[in-house]
C-alpha atoms as a PDB file:
ATOM      1  CA  MET A   1      -2.648 -18.743 -16.737  1.00  0.00           C
ATOM      2  CA  THR A   2      -4.583 -15.993 -15.045  1.00  0.00           C
ATOM      3  CA  THR A   3      -4.743 -18.147 -11.822  1.00  0.00           C
ATOM      4  CA  PHE A   4      -0.713 -18.822 -12.091  1.00  0.00           C
ATOM      5  CA  LEU A   5      -0.181 -15.028 -12.382  1.00  0.00           C
ATOM      6  CA  PHE A   6      -2.149 -14.516  -9.709  1.00  0.00           C
ATOM      7  CA  TYR A   7      -0.528 -16.222  -7.220  1.00  0.00           C
ATOM      8  CA  PHE A   8       2.870 -15.610  -8.589  1.00  0.00           C
ATOM      9  CA  PHE A   9       1.987 -11.435  -8.135  1.00  0.00           C
ATOM     10  CA  ALA A  10       0.308 -12.315  -4.556  1.00  0.00           C
ATOM     11  CA  ILE A  11       3.812 -13.997  -3.563  1.00  0.00           C
ATOM     12  CA  LEU A  12       5.643 -10.994  -4.685  1.00  0.00           C
ATOM     13  CA  THR A  13       3.859  -8.770  -3.148  1.00  0.00           C
ATOM     14  CA  VAL A  14       3.900 -10.853  -0.016  1.00  0.00           C
ATOM     15  CA  VAL A  15       7.658 -10.763  -0.330  1.00  0.00           C
ATOM     16  CA  ALA A  16       7.919  -7.005  -1.041  1.00  0.00           C
ATOM     17  CA  ALA A  17       5.985  -6.388   1.899  1.00  0.00           C
ATOM     18  CA  ALA A  18       8.680  -8.480   3.633  1.00  0.00           C
ATOM     19  CA  GLY A  19      11.231  -6.030   2.357  1.00  0.00           C
ATOM     20  CA  VAL A  20       9.562  -2.999   3.338  1.00  0.00           C
ATOM     21  CA  ILE A  21      10.069  -4.007   7.121  1.00  0.00           C
ATOM     22  CA  ALA A  22      13.119  -6.124   6.837  1.00  0.00           C
ATOM     23  CA  ALA A  23      15.457  -3.016   5.249  1.00  0.00           C
ATOM     24  CA  ARG A  24      17.837  -1.656   7.269  1.00  0.00           C
ATOM     25  CA  SER A  25      17.793   1.381   5.223  1.00  0.00           C
ATOM     26  CA  PRO A  26      14.826   3.674   4.719  1.00  0.00           C
ATOM     27  CA  MET A  27      15.222   4.332   1.167  1.00  0.00           C
ATOM     28  CA  TYR A  28      15.482   0.124   0.459  1.00  0.00           C
ATOM     29  CA  SER A  29      12.250   0.275   2.364  1.00  0.00           C
ATOM     30  CA  ALA A  30      10.777   2.717   0.104  1.00  0.00           C
ATOM     31  CA  MET A  31      11.570   0.854  -2.645  1.00  0.00           C
ATOM     32  CA  SER A  32      10.396  -1.898  -1.301  1.00  0.00           C
ATOM     33  CA  LEU A  33       7.183  -0.574  -1.004  1.00  0.00           C
ATOM     34  CA  VAL A  34       7.023   0.614  -4.862  1.00  0.00           C
ATOM     35  CA  GLY A  35       7.633  -2.653  -5.352  1.00  0.00           C
ATOM     36  CA  THR A  36       4.723  -3.613  -3.688  1.00  0.00           C
ATOM     37  CA  PHE A  37       2.530  -1.548  -5.070  1.00  0.00           C
ATOM     38  CA  PHE A  38       3.096  -2.176  -8.639  1.00  0.00           C
ATOM     39  CA  CYS A  39       2.739  -5.705  -7.975  1.00  0.00           C
ATOM     40  CA  LEU A  40      -1.034  -5.258  -6.291  1.00  0.00           C
ATOM     41  CA  ALA A  41      -1.544  -3.225  -9.660  1.00  0.00           C
ATOM     42  CA  ALA A  42      -0.998  -6.327 -11.352  1.00  0.00           C
ATOM     43  CA  ILE A  43      -3.191  -8.295  -9.207  1.00  0.00           C
ATOM     44  CA  TYR A  44      -5.739  -5.642 -10.062  1.00  0.00           C
ATOM     45  CA  ALA A  45      -5.446  -5.889 -13.680  1.00  0.00           C
ATOM     46  CA  LEU A  46      -5.769  -9.733 -13.357  1.00  0.00           C
ATOM     47  CA  LEU A  47      -9.089  -9.005 -11.713  1.00  0.00           C
ATOM     48  CA  LEU A  48     -10.216  -6.828 -14.518  1.00  0.00           C
ATOM     49  CA  ALA A  49     -10.050  -3.541 -12.800  1.00  0.00           C
ATOM     50  CA  HIS A  50      -7.895  -1.475 -14.764  1.00  0.00           C
ATOM     51  CA  THR A  51      -8.916   1.496 -13.330  1.00  0.00           C
ATOM     52  CA  ILE A  52      -7.953   0.668 -10.037  1.00  0.00           C
ATOM     53  CA  ALA A  53      -4.936  -0.905 -11.080  1.00  0.00           C
ATOM     54  CA  VAL A  54      -3.856   2.557 -13.310  1.00  0.00           C
ATOM     55  CA  LEU A  55      -4.518   4.690 -10.285  1.00  0.00           C
ATOM     56  CA  GLN A  56      -2.743   2.656  -8.187  1.00  0.00           C
ATOM     57  CA  VAL A  57      -0.101   3.134 -10.137  1.00  0.00           C
ATOM     58  CA  LEU A  58      -0.142   6.788 -10.624  1.00  0.00           C
ATOM     59  CA  VAL A  59      -1.346   7.524  -7.199  1.00  0.00           C
ATOM     60  CA  TYR A  60       0.776   5.453  -4.837  1.00  0.00           C
ATOM     61  CA  ALA A  61       3.570   4.381  -6.729  1.00  0.00           C
ATOM     62  CA  GLY A  62       3.619   7.349  -7.934  1.00  0.00           C
ATOM     63  CA  ALA A  63       2.626  10.576  -5.867  1.00  0.00           C
ATOM     64  CA  ILE A  64       2.858   8.899  -2.398  1.00  0.00           C
ATOM     65  CA  MET A  65       6.174   7.421  -3.144  1.00  0.00           C
ATOM     66  CA  VAL A  66       7.748  10.544  -4.224  1.00  0.00           C
ATOM     67  CA  LEU A  67       6.262  12.069  -0.948  1.00  0.00           C
ATOM     68  CA  PHE A  68       7.777   9.584   1.059  1.00  0.00           C
ATOM     69  CA  LEU A  69      11.127   9.930  -0.404  1.00  0.00           C
ATOM     70  CA  PHE A  70      10.890  13.370  -0.290  1.00  0.00           C
ATOM     71  CA  VAL A  71      10.463  13.315   3.473  1.00  0.00           C
ATOM     72  CA  ILE A  72      13.117  10.915   3.663  1.00  0.00           C
ATOM     73  CA  MET A  73      15.391  12.801   2.188  1.00  0.00           C
ATOM     74  CA  LEU A  74      14.316  16.105   4.066  1.00  0.00           C
ATOM     75  CA  LEU A  75      14.851  14.123   7.795  1.00  0.00           C
ATOM     76  CA  SER A  76      18.193  12.608   6.295  1.00  0.00           C
ATOM     77  CA  LEU A  77      16.976   9.124   6.782  1.00  0.00           C
ATOM     78  CA  GLY A  78      19.391   7.797   4.081  1.00  0.00           C
ATOM     79  CA  GLU A  79      22.034   6.220   6.705  1.00  0.00           C
ATOM     80  CA  ALA A  80      21.061   2.584   7.991  1.00  0.00           C
ATOM     81  CA  VAL A  81      19.439   1.775  10.981  1.00  0.00           C
ATOM     82  CA  GLY A  82      21.199  -0.321  13.560  1.00  0.00           C
ATOM     83  CA  PRO A  83      20.080  -4.219  14.308  1.00  0.00           C
ATOM     84  CA  ALA A  84      16.646  -4.695  15.465  1.00  0.00           C
ATOM     85  CA  LYS A  85      16.501  -6.033  19.186  1.00  0.00           C
ATOM     86  CA  VAL A  86      14.041  -8.892  20.213  1.00  0.00           C
ATOM     87  CA  THR A  87      11.764  -7.185  22.816  1.00  0.00           C
ATOM     88  CA  PHE A  88       8.505  -8.606  24.726  1.00  0.00           C
ATOM     89  CA  PRO A  89       6.424  -6.066  22.408  1.00  0.00           C
ATOM     90  CA  ARG A  90       8.036  -6.952  19.461  1.00  0.00           C
ATOM     91  CA  VAL A  91       6.875 -10.575  19.922  1.00  0.00           C
ATOM     92  CA  VAL A  92       3.721  -9.736  21.231  1.00  0.00           C
ATOM     93  CA  GLY A  93       2.860  -7.598  18.178  1.00  0.00           C
ATOM     94  CA  GLY A  94       4.309 -10.280  15.719  1.00  0.00           C
ATOM     95  CA  ILE A  95       1.795 -12.797  17.654  1.00  0.00           C
ATOM     96  CA  ALA A  96      -1.066 -10.382  17.548  1.00  0.00           C
ATOM     97  CA  SER A  97      -0.209  -9.810  13.319  1.00  0.00           C
ATOM     98  CA  ALA A  98      -0.278 -13.537  12.654  1.00  0.00           C
ATOM     99  CA  VAL A  99      -3.437 -13.912  14.622  1.00  0.00           C
ATOM    100  CA  LEU A 100      -5.020 -11.147  12.717  1.00  0.00           C
ATOM    101  CA  PHE A 101      -3.968 -12.562   9.320  1.00  0.00           C
ATOM    102  CA  ALA A 102      -5.316 -15.797  10.284  1.00  0.00           C
ATOM    103  CA  PHE A 103      -8.952 -14.300  11.314  1.00  0.00           C
ATOM    104  CA  LEU A 104      -8.799 -12.379   7.976  1.00  0.00           C
ATOM    105  CA  VAL A 105      -7.733 -15.377   6.168  1.00  0.00           C
ATOM    106  CA  VAL A 106     -11.060 -17.418   7.507  1.00  0.00           C
ATOM    107  CA  ALA A 107     -13.327 -14.187   7.591  1.00  0.00           C
ATOM    108  CA  ALA A 108     -12.391 -13.918   3.773  1.00  0.00           C
ATOM    109  CA  ARG A 109     -12.960 -17.423   2.600  1.00  0.00           C
ATOM    110  CA  PRO A 110     -17.033 -17.504   2.746  1.00  0.00           C
ATOM    111  CA  PHE A 111     -17.006 -14.125   0.520  1.00  0.00           C
ATOM    112  CA  VAL A 112     -14.706 -15.520  -2.434  1.00  0.00           C
ATOM    113  CA  PRO A 113     -16.821 -16.496  -5.158  1.00  0.00           C
ATOM    114  CA  VAL A 114     -15.181 -19.573  -7.598  1.00  0.00           C
ATOM    115  CA  GLY A 115     -15.298 -18.618 -10.954  1.00  0.00           C
ATOM    116  CA  ALA A 116     -17.799 -15.396 -10.375  1.00  0.00           C
ATOM    117  CA  GLN A 117     -17.615 -12.706 -13.347  1.00  0.00           C
ATOM    118  CA  PRO A 118     -18.278  -9.057 -12.390  1.00  0.00           C
ATOM    119  CA  PRO A 119     -20.423  -7.046 -13.569  1.00  0.00           C
ATOM    120  CA  PRO A 120     -19.934  -5.225 -16.898  1.00  0.00           C
ATOM    121  CA  SER A 121     -19.458  -1.807 -15.148  1.00  0.00           C
ATOM    122  CA  PHE A 122     -16.953  -2.927 -12.387  1.00  0.00           C
ATOM    123  CA  GLY A 123     -14.107  -1.196 -12.640  1.00  0.00           C
ATOM    124  CA  THR A 124     -15.044   1.908 -15.125  1.00  0.00           C
ATOM    125  CA  LEU A 125     -14.489   5.472 -14.568  1.00  0.00           C
ATOM    126  CA  GLN A 126     -18.031   6.211 -14.254  1.00  0.00           C
ATOM    127  CA  SER A 127     -18.875   3.796 -11.676  1.00  0.00           C
ATOM    128  CA  ILE A 128     -15.781   5.019  -9.785  1.00  0.00           C
ATOM    129  CA  GLY A 129     -16.587   8.518 -10.032  1.00  0.00           C
ATOM    130  CA  ALA A 130     -19.847   8.140  -9.271  1.00  0.00           C
ATOM    131  CA  GLN A 131     -18.960   5.991  -5.680  1.00  0.00           C
ATOM    132  CA  LEU A 132     -16.745   8.633  -4.908  1.00  0.00           C
ATOM    133  CA  TYR A 133     -18.375  11.917  -5.707  1.00  0.00           C
ATOM    134  CA  THR A 134     -21.407  10.472  -3.917  1.00  0.00           C
ATOM    135  CA  GLN A 135     -20.907   8.030  -0.852  1.00  0.00           C
ATOM    136  CA  TRP A 136     -17.056   8.829  -0.235  1.00  0.00           C
ATOM    137  CA  LEU A 137     -16.747  12.622  -1.186  1.00  0.00           C
ATOM    138  CA  ALA A 138     -16.016  13.695   2.581  1.00  0.00           C
ATOM    139  CA  PRO A 139     -13.728  10.728   2.941  1.00  0.00           C
ATOM    140  CA  PHE A 140     -11.677  11.772  -0.079  1.00  0.00           C
ATOM    141  CA  GLU A 141     -11.732  15.188   0.861  1.00  0.00           C
ATOM    142  CA  ALA A 142     -10.526  14.057   4.335  1.00  0.00           C
ATOM    143  CA  VAL A 143      -7.595  12.274   2.846  1.00  0.00           C
ATOM    144  CA  SER A 144      -6.443  14.926   0.470  1.00  0.00           C
ATOM    145  CA  LEU A 145      -6.454  17.031   3.490  1.00  0.00           C
ATOM    146  CA  ARG A 146      -4.511  14.569   5.622  1.00  0.00           C
ATOM    147  CA  VAL A 147      -1.877  14.462   2.681  1.00  0.00           C
ATOM    148  CA  LEU A 148      -1.459  18.458   2.725  1.00  0.00           C
ATOM    149  CA  VAL A 149      -1.128  18.405   6.104  1.00  0.00           C
ATOM    150  CA  ALA A 150       1.445  15.885   5.901  1.00  0.00           C
ATOM    151  CA  ARG A 151       3.360  17.719   2.971  1.00  0.00           C
ATOM    152  CA  VAL A 152       3.666  20.751   5.423  1.00  0.00           C
ATOM    153  CA  GLY A 153       4.473  18.976   8.463  1.00  0.00           C
ATOM    154  CA  ALA A 154       7.753  17.451   6.558  1.00  0.00           C
ATOM    155  CA  VAL A 155       8.877  20.786   5.485  1.00  0.00           C
ATOM    156  CA  VAL A 156       8.240  22.115   8.937  1.00  0.00           C
ATOM    157  CA  VAL A 157      10.293  19.369  10.600  1.00  0.00           C
ATOM    158  CA  ALA A 158      12.952  19.822   7.907  1.00  0.00           C
ATOM    159  CA  LYS A 159      13.184  23.214   8.137  1.00  0.00           C
ATOM    160  CA  SER A 160      14.004  23.071  11.910  1.00  0.00           C
ATOM    161  CA  ARG A 161      16.898  21.210  10.889  1.00  0.00           C
ATOM    162  CA  VAL A 162      18.452  23.583   7.980  1.00  0.00           C
END
């Protein structure tokens, strides 16, 4: 049953991510991104990373998406965008994306152990906190600073229109 659910949520994640790209309205695109985040949280839960699953919902589906929707509403991007034209750069980008995806699939194959169980401390708050505040402290602070700059930038851009 776990394997079936994993593939179900994986396919649903890809469909929701395609909805992010294919949506004509930025609001529908943002809502598809929320669906993608929830499907990823379900996959994390199936992989016994419950802490990461909860953080996925709280941080990304909650806080980050509120920020995105705030920017979309401030910039008045609610109206639909015109039809996309097929241009040479888009075709090259699509082909490059497909090739990169193929390379990632081939590269990830040897690293997927079949039937392997994670260590008992995998995904616990203690192990995540120990890694986050020792090895990854500088990148963590850089990301928080970047989010703050994005919020200030969104307000500055929206304020010039008002």
